[in-house]
Amino acid sequence: MAKPTYLTKDGLEKIRKELDELQTKGRTDISRQIAEARDKGDLSENAEYDAAKDAQGHLEHKISILQSTLANAKIIDETNIDTSKVMIMSKVKVKNLQNNMEVTYTLVPEQETDLKAGRIASSTPIGQGLMGKKVGDTAEVKIPAGVITLKIINISL
């Protein structure tokens, strides 16, 4: 049995839209590219045809991954999230005790990561280090640059 993929309702809808786009417009565009390349003559020496066939393979692989993700999706009910400790979908304000900087992260499923919006995957080193912690707790997080100590300031939704 495949491992479940946890998603929010918005994340699920985003994947459905992307899949629909790839299955309709994406496949149509690739078919057109293959047909145009085929019309240019000898396929054995046609780099355009080879590139279009490669793109088709990549497109079909992406479609397959999205279909699998949807088949194994489990929706996260945000109304049942406990804000007494850090969990997936928690918004966590932390203070880096080395440089006193405060940052707010929202821990999300991997497919919904958006660093610009402060949404980090719960599977990242920081996400894993914060999971299960409560306000006032500290987390020692090993990152590529070394170890940082983060103090939990606030947990919300």
C-alpha atoms as a PDB file:
ATOM      1  CA  MET A   1       0.000   0.000   0.000  1.00  0.00           C
ATOM      2  CA  ALA A   2       1.262   3.441  -0.927  1.00  0.00           C
ATOM      3  CA  LYS A   3       2.133   6.006   1.714  1.00  0.00           C
ATOM      4  CA  PRO A   4      -0.603   8.643   2.169  1.00  0.00           C
ATOM      5  CA  THR A   5       0.040  12.176   0.955  1.00  0.00           C
ATOM      6  CA  TYR A   6      -1.312  14.788   3.368  1.00  0.00           C
ATOM      7  CA  LEU A   7      -2.749  17.867   1.710  1.00  0.00           C
ATOM      8  CA  THR A   8      -4.920  20.819   2.563  1.00  0.00           C
ATOM      9  CA  LYS A   9      -8.105  21.388   0.552  1.00  0.00           C
ATOM     10  CA  ASP A  10      -6.325  24.202  -1.327  1.00  0.00           C
ATOM     11  CA  GLY A  11      -3.328  21.980  -2.026  1.00  0.00           C
ATOM     12  CA  LEU A  12      -5.564  19.207  -3.359  1.00  0.00           C
ATOM     13  CA  GLU A  13      -7.381  21.640  -5.646  1.00  0.00           C
ATOM     14  CA  LYS A  14      -4.074  23.034  -6.938  1.00  0.00           C
ATOM     15  CA  ILE A  15      -2.877  19.525  -7.849  1.00  0.00           C
ATOM     16  CA  ARG A  16      -6.190  18.725  -9.561  1.00  0.00           C
ATOM     17  CA  LYS A  17      -5.933  21.898 -11.665  1.00  0.00           C
ATOM     18  CA  GLU A  18      -2.314  21.174 -12.602  1.00  0.00           C
ATOM     19  CA  LEU A  19      -3.194  17.597 -13.581  1.00  0.00           C
ATOM     20  CA  ASP A  20      -6.121  18.777 -15.703  1.00  0.00           C
ATOM     21  CA  GLU A  21      -3.891  21.356 -17.418  1.00  0.00           C
ATOM     22  CA  LEU A  22      -1.223  18.758 -18.206  1.00  0.00           C
ATOM     23  CA  GLN A  23      -3.728  16.191 -19.458  1.00  0.00           C
ATOM     24  CA  THR A  24      -5.450  18.648 -21.774  1.00  0.00           C
ATOM     25  CA  LYS A  25      -3.267  21.539 -22.900  1.00  0.00           C
ATOM     26  CA  GLY A  26       0.050  19.817 -22.130  1.00  0.00           C
ATOM     27  CA  ARG A  27      -0.722  16.688 -24.133  1.00  0.00           C
ATOM     28  CA  THR A  28      -2.165  18.745 -27.002  1.00  0.00           C
ATOM     29  CA  ASP A  29       0.960  20.912 -27.175  1.00  0.00           C
ATOM     30  CA  ILE A  30       3.296  17.900 -27.150  1.00  0.00           C
ATOM     31  CA  SER A  31       1.274  16.117 -29.851  1.00  0.00           C
ATOM     32  CA  ARG A  32       1.500  19.216 -32.032  1.00  0.00           C
ATOM     33  CA  GLN A  33       5.285  19.445 -31.488  1.00  0.00           C
ATOM     34  CA  ILE A  34       5.742  15.770 -32.411  1.00  0.00           C
ATOM     35  CA  ALA A  35       3.600  16.180 -35.542  1.00  0.00           C
ATOM     36  CA  GLU A  36       5.542  19.271 -36.638  1.00  0.00           C
ATOM     37  CA  ALA A  37       8.863  17.519 -36.092  1.00  0.00           C
ATOM     38  CA  ARG A  38       7.654  14.400 -37.931  1.00  0.00           C
ATOM     39  CA  ASP A  39       6.709  16.557 -40.943  1.00  0.00           C
ATOM     40  CA  LYS A  40      10.332  17.713 -41.244  1.00  0.00           C
ATOM     41  CA  GLY A  41      11.506  14.430 -42.679  1.00  0.00           C
ATOM     42  CA  ASP A  42      13.865  11.616 -41.657  1.00  0.00           C
ATOM     43  CA  LEU A  43      13.145  10.749 -38.010  1.00  0.00           C
ATOM     44  CA  SER A  44      16.491   8.989 -37.506  1.00  0.00           C
ATOM     45  CA  GLU A  45      18.349  12.305 -37.692  1.00  0.00           C
ATOM     46  CA  ASN A  46      15.636  14.615 -36.405  1.00  0.00           C
ATOM     47  CA  ALA A  47      16.719  16.212 -33.121  1.00  0.00           C
ATOM     48  CA  GLU A  48      13.443  18.133 -32.858  1.00  0.00           C
ATOM     49  CA  TYR A  49      11.486  14.878 -32.976  1.00  0.00           C
ATOM     50  CA  ASP A  50      13.726  13.299 -30.310  1.00  0.00           C
ATOM     51  CA  ALA A  51      13.340  16.359 -28.074  1.00  0.00           C
ATOM     52  CA  ALA A  52       9.546  16.340 -28.477  1.00  0.00           C
ATOM     53  CA  LYS A  53       9.384  12.609 -27.644  1.00  0.00           C
ATOM     54  CA  ASP A  54      11.552  13.225 -24.553  1.00  0.00           C
ATOM     55  CA  ALA A  55       9.245  16.065 -23.499  1.00  0.00           C
ATOM     56  CA  GLN A  56       6.288  13.731 -23.959  1.00  0.00           C
ATOM     57  CA  GLY A  57       7.931  11.174 -21.667  1.00  0.00           C
ATOM     58  CA  HIS A  58       8.552  13.824 -19.004  1.00  0.00           C
ATOM     59  CA  LEU A  59       4.972  15.072 -19.299  1.00  0.00           C
ATOM     60  CA  GLU A  60       3.515  11.564 -18.916  1.00  0.00           C
ATOM     61  CA  HIS A  61       5.777  10.907 -15.922  1.00  0.00           C
ATOM     62  CA  LYS A  62       4.591  14.125 -14.241  1.00  0.00           C
ATOM     63  CA  ILE A  63       0.958  13.175 -14.946  1.00  0.00           C
ATOM     64  CA  SER A  64       1.558   9.751 -13.413  1.00  0.00           C
ATOM     65  CA  ILE A  65       3.076  11.294 -10.253  1.00  0.00           C
ATOM     66  CA  LEU A  66       0.149  13.716  -9.852  1.00  0.00           C
ATOM     67  CA  GLN A  67      -2.380  10.901 -10.362  1.00  0.00           C
ATOM     68  CA  SER A  68      -0.622   8.828  -7.711  1.00  0.00           C
ATOM     69  CA  THR A  69      -0.562  11.803  -5.337  1.00  0.00           C
ATOM     70  CA  LEU A  70      -4.301  12.329  -5.768  1.00  0.00           C
ATOM     71  CA  ALA A  71      -5.034   8.611  -5.354  1.00  0.00           C
ATOM     72  CA  ASN A  72      -3.204   8.579  -2.002  1.00  0.00           C
ATOM     73  CA  ALA A  73      -4.300  12.026  -0.780  1.00  0.00           C
ATOM     74  CA  LYS A  74      -5.558  12.492   2.757  1.00  0.00           C
ATOM     75  CA  ILE A  75      -7.124  15.875   3.521  1.00  0.00           C
ATOM     76  CA  ILE A  76      -5.892  17.643   6.646  1.00  0.00           C
ATOM     77  CA  ASP A  77      -8.815  18.952   8.685  1.00  0.00           C
ATOM     78  CA  GLU A  78      -7.485  22.281   9.918  1.00  0.00           C
ATOM     79  CA  THR A  79     -10.315  22.618  12.460  1.00  0.00           C
ATOM     80  CA  ASN A  80      -8.881  19.717  14.488  1.00  0.00           C
ATOM     81  CA  ILE A  81      -5.359  21.089  14.820  1.00  0.00           C
ATOM     82  CA  ASP A  82      -4.102  21.390  18.397  1.00  0.00           C
ATOM     83  CA  THR A  83      -2.250  24.679  18.920  1.00  0.00           C
ATOM     84  CA  SER A  84      -0.705  23.579  22.221  1.00  0.00           C
ATOM     85  CA  LYS A  85       2.131  21.929  20.285  1.00  0.00           C
ATOM     86  CA  VAL A  86       3.677  22.227  16.826  1.00  0.00           C
ATOM     87  CA  MET A  87       1.955  20.053  14.235  1.00  0.00           C
ATOM     88  CA  ILE A  88       1.549  20.044  10.492  1.00  0.00           C
ATOM     89  CA  MET A  89      -0.354  23.230   9.489  1.00  0.00           C
ATOM     90  CA  SER A  90       0.803  25.059  12.638  1.00  0.00           C
ATOM     91  CA  LYS A  91       2.030  28.628  12.234  1.00  0.00           C
ATOM     92  CA  VAL A  92       5.083  28.834  14.482  1.00  0.00           C
ATOM     93  CA  LYS A  93       6.908  31.989  15.526  1.00  0.00           C
ATOM     94  CA  VAL A  94      10.473  31.142  16.556  1.00  0.00           C
ATOM     95  CA  LYS A  95      13.468  33.086  17.790  1.00  0.00           C
ATOM     96  CA  ASN A  96      16.930  32.086  16.649  1.00  0.00           C
ATOM     97  CA  LEU A  97      18.910  32.225  19.883  1.00  0.00           C
ATOM     98  CA  GLN A  98      22.230  32.734  18.060  1.00  0.00           C
ATOM     99  CA  ASN A  99      21.270  35.968  16.286  1.00  0.00           C
ATOM    100  CA  ASN A 100      17.988  36.904  18.083  1.00  0.00           C
ATOM    101  CA  MET A 101      16.060  37.027  14.780  1.00  0.00           C
ATOM    102  CA  GLU A 102      12.389  36.090  14.890  1.00  0.00           C
ATOM    103  CA  VAL A 103      10.811  34.201  12.006  1.00  0.00           C
ATOM    104  CA  THR A 104       7.352  32.753  11.449  1.00  0.00           C
ATOM    105  CA  TYR A 105       6.940  29.468   9.600  1.00  0.00           C
ATOM    106  CA  THR A 106       3.857  27.505   8.662  1.00  0.00           C
ATOM    107  CA  LEU A 107       4.561  23.772   8.560  1.00  0.00           C
ATOM    108  CA  VAL A 108       2.888  22.282   5.498  1.00  0.00           C
ATOM    109  CA  PRO A 109       2.910  19.072   3.463  1.00  0.00           C
ATOM    110  CA  GLU A 110       5.882  18.855   1.101  1.00  0.00           C
ATOM    111  CA  GLN A 111       3.764  19.563  -2.008  1.00  0.00           C
ATOM    112  CA  GLU A 112       2.619  22.892  -0.562  1.00  0.00           C
ATOM    113  CA  THR A 113       6.018  24.363   0.295  1.00  0.00           C
ATOM    114  CA  ASP A 114       6.410  28.064  -0.563  1.00  0.00           C
ATOM    115  CA  LEU A 115       9.474  29.656   1.035  1.00  0.00           C
ATOM    116  CA  LYS A 116       8.497  33.183  -0.003  1.00  0.00           C
ATOM    117  CA  ALA A 117       5.242  32.778   1.929  1.00  0.00           C
ATOM    118  CA  GLY A 118       7.012  31.223   4.939  1.00  0.00           C
ATOM    119  CA  ARG A 119       5.506  27.787   4.246  1.00  0.00           C
ATOM    120  CA  ILE A 120       8.107  25.092   4.907  1.00  0.00           C
ATOM    121  CA  ALA A 121       7.702  21.347   4.616  1.00  0.00           C
ATOM    122  CA  SER A 122       7.255  19.514   7.884  1.00  0.00           C
ATOM    123  CA  SER A 123       9.808  17.012   6.538  1.00  0.00           C
ATOM    124  CA  THR A 124      12.645  19.589   6.427  1.00  0.00           C
ATOM    125  CA  PRO A 125      15.236  19.652   9.223  1.00  0.00           C
ATOM    126  CA  ILE A 126      13.629  22.778  10.711  1.00  0.00           C
ATOM    127  CA  GLY A 127      10.136  21.307  10.377  1.00  0.00           C
ATOM    128  CA  GLN A 128      11.182  18.042  11.994  1.00  0.00           C
ATOM    129  CA  GLY A 129      13.010  19.879  14.776  1.00  0.00           C
ATOM    130  CA  LEU A 130       9.911  21.937  15.617  1.00  0.00           C
ATOM    131  CA  MET A 131       7.316  19.121  15.458  1.00  0.00           C
ATOM    132  CA  GLY A 132       5.826  18.297  18.833  1.00  0.00           C
ATOM    133  CA  LYS A 133       7.411  21.274  20.627  1.00  0.00           C
ATOM    134  CA  LYS A 134       5.392  23.642  22.816  1.00  0.00           C
ATOM    135  CA  VAL A 135       5.618  27.398  23.466  1.00  0.00           C
ATOM    136  CA  GLY A 136       8.792  28.078  25.453  1.00  0.00           C
ATOM    137  CA  ASP A 137      10.562  24.906  24.241  1.00  0.00           C
ATOM    138  CA  THR A 138      13.816  25.108  22.326  1.00  0.00           C
ATOM    139  CA  ALA A 139      14.795  23.000  19.344  1.00  0.00           C
ATOM    140  CA  GLU A 140      18.337  22.177  18.295  1.00  0.00           C
ATOM    141  CA  VAL A 141      18.158  21.954  14.503  1.00  0.00           C
ATOM    142  CA  LYS A 142      20.979  20.607  12.377  1.00  0.00           C
ATOM    143  CA  ILE A 143      21.163  22.488   9.087  1.00  0.00           C
ATOM    144  CA  PRO A 144      23.870  22.444   6.404  1.00  0.00           C
ATOM    145  CA  ALA A 145      25.531  25.503   7.996  1.00  0.00           C
ATOM    146  CA  GLY A 146      25.688  23.848  11.432  1.00  0.00           C
ATOM    147  CA  VAL A 147      23.328  23.670  14.390  1.00  0.00           C
ATOM    148  CA  ILE A 148      20.858  26.419  15.263  1.00  0.00           C
ATOM    149  CA  THR A 149      18.804  26.763  18.415  1.00  0.00           C
ATOM    150  CA  LEU A 150      15.242  27.943  17.948  1.00  0.00           C
ATOM    151  CA  LYS A 151      12.922  28.972  20.784  1.00  0.00           C
ATOM    152  CA  ILE A 152       9.185  28.585  20.211  1.00  0.00           C
ATOM    153  CA  ILE A 153       7.538  31.990  20.816  1.00  0.00           C
ATOM    154  CA  ASN A 154       3.996  31.321  19.568  1.00  0.00           C
ATOM    155  CA  ILE A 155       1.896  28.607  17.912  1.00  0.00           C
ATOM    156  CA  SER A 156      -1.280  29.432  15.978  1.00  0.00           C
ATOM    157  CA  LEU A 157      -3.245  28.487  12.873  1.00  0.00           C
END
